[in-house]
Amino acid sequence: MENIDWKNLPFGYLKTDWNIRCYFRNGKWGELETSSSEYVNIHIAATGLHYGQEAFEGM
C-alpha cells in the first residue's frame, strides 16, 4: 500500500482477470463468488439507474 501513488490514481475502468461478487437475498449475504465476467445484470427499474430519484433520496 505504501508504494501506491494515491494522488495520481486514474478514474476509469481497469480490466482484471477476476472479480468478487456477493449477493444479498432473503435478508442475508451469501457466499463470496469469483467471476471472470465483465458484466453485471441489473433490473431495468433499479433506482440506481434513475439519477434524479437517487439524488432526491440522498438529500
Protein backbone atom coordinates (compact mmCIF):
# COMPACT_ATOMS: atom_id res chain seq x y z
CA MET A 1 0.00 0.00 0.00
CA GLU A 2 2.86 2.40 0.65
CA ASN A 3 4.00 2.10 -3.00
CA ILE A 4 0.67 3.34 -4.39
CA ASP A 5 0.71 6.90 -5.74
CA TRP A 6 -2.67 7.88 -4.24
CA LYS A 7 -2.65 11.40 -5.72
CA ASN A 8 -2.38 10.10 -9.29
CA LEU A 9 -4.84 7.22 -9.32
CA PRO A 10 -6.77 7.17 -12.61
CA PHE A 11 -10.55 7.21 -12.69
CA GLY A 12 -11.89 4.66 -15.13
CA TYR A 13 -12.24 1.01 -15.98
CA LEU A 14 -9.33 -1.35 -15.49
CA LYS A 15 -10.00 -4.88 -16.71
CA THR A 16 -8.91 -7.63 -14.37
CA ASP A 17 -8.96 -11.40 -14.79
CA TRP A 18 -11.37 -11.92 -11.89
CA ASN A 19 -13.79 -10.06 -9.64
CA ILE A 20 -15.56 -10.98 -6.41
CA ARG A 21 -19.34 -10.98 -6.05
CA CYS A 22 -21.66 -11.47 -3.13
CA TYR A 23 -25.46 -11.38 -3.32
CA PHE A 24 -27.89 -10.13 -0.67
CA ARG A 25 -31.01 -12.31 -0.68
CA ASN A 26 -33.70 -13.04 1.88
CA GLY A 27 -32.18 -10.63 4.40
CA LYS A 28 -28.65 -12.05 4.42
CA TRP A 29 -25.42 -12.03 2.43
CA GLY A 30 -24.44 -15.15 0.51
CA GLU A 31 -21.06 -16.72 -0.06
CA LEU A 32 -18.33 -14.89 -1.98
CA GLU A 33 -18.09 -15.96 -5.61
CA THR A 34 -15.38 -15.33 -8.19
CA SER A 35 -16.36 -14.36 -11.72
CA SER A 36 -14.46 -13.62 -14.90
CA SER A 37 -17.43 -11.79 -16.45
CA GLU A 38 -17.17 -8.03 -17.04
CA TYR A 39 -20.95 -7.65 -16.87
CA VAL A 40 -23.43 -7.19 -14.03
CA ASN A 41 -27.12 -7.93 -14.56
CA ILE A 42 -29.32 -5.15 -13.21
CA HIS A 43 -33.08 -4.73 -13.36
CA ILE A 44 -34.27 -2.01 -15.74
CA ALA A 45 -36.26 -0.37 -12.92
CA ALA A 46 -33.33 -0.26 -10.48
CA THR A 47 -33.43 3.14 -8.79
CA GLY A 48 -29.65 3.47 -9.19
CA LEU A 49 -30.25 3.96 -12.92
CA HIS A 50 -32.52 6.93 -12.27
CA TYR A 51 -30.11 9.66 -11.15
CA GLY A 52 -32.80 12.20 -10.27
CA GLN A 53 -34.54 9.80 -7.93
CA GLU A 54 -31.27 8.76 -6.28
CA ALA A 55 -30.19 12.38 -5.81
CA PHE A 56 -33.55 13.23 -4.22
CA GLU A 57 -33.48 10.20 -1.92
CA GLY A 58 -29.96 11.12 -0.81
CA MET A 59 -30.95 14.60 0.37
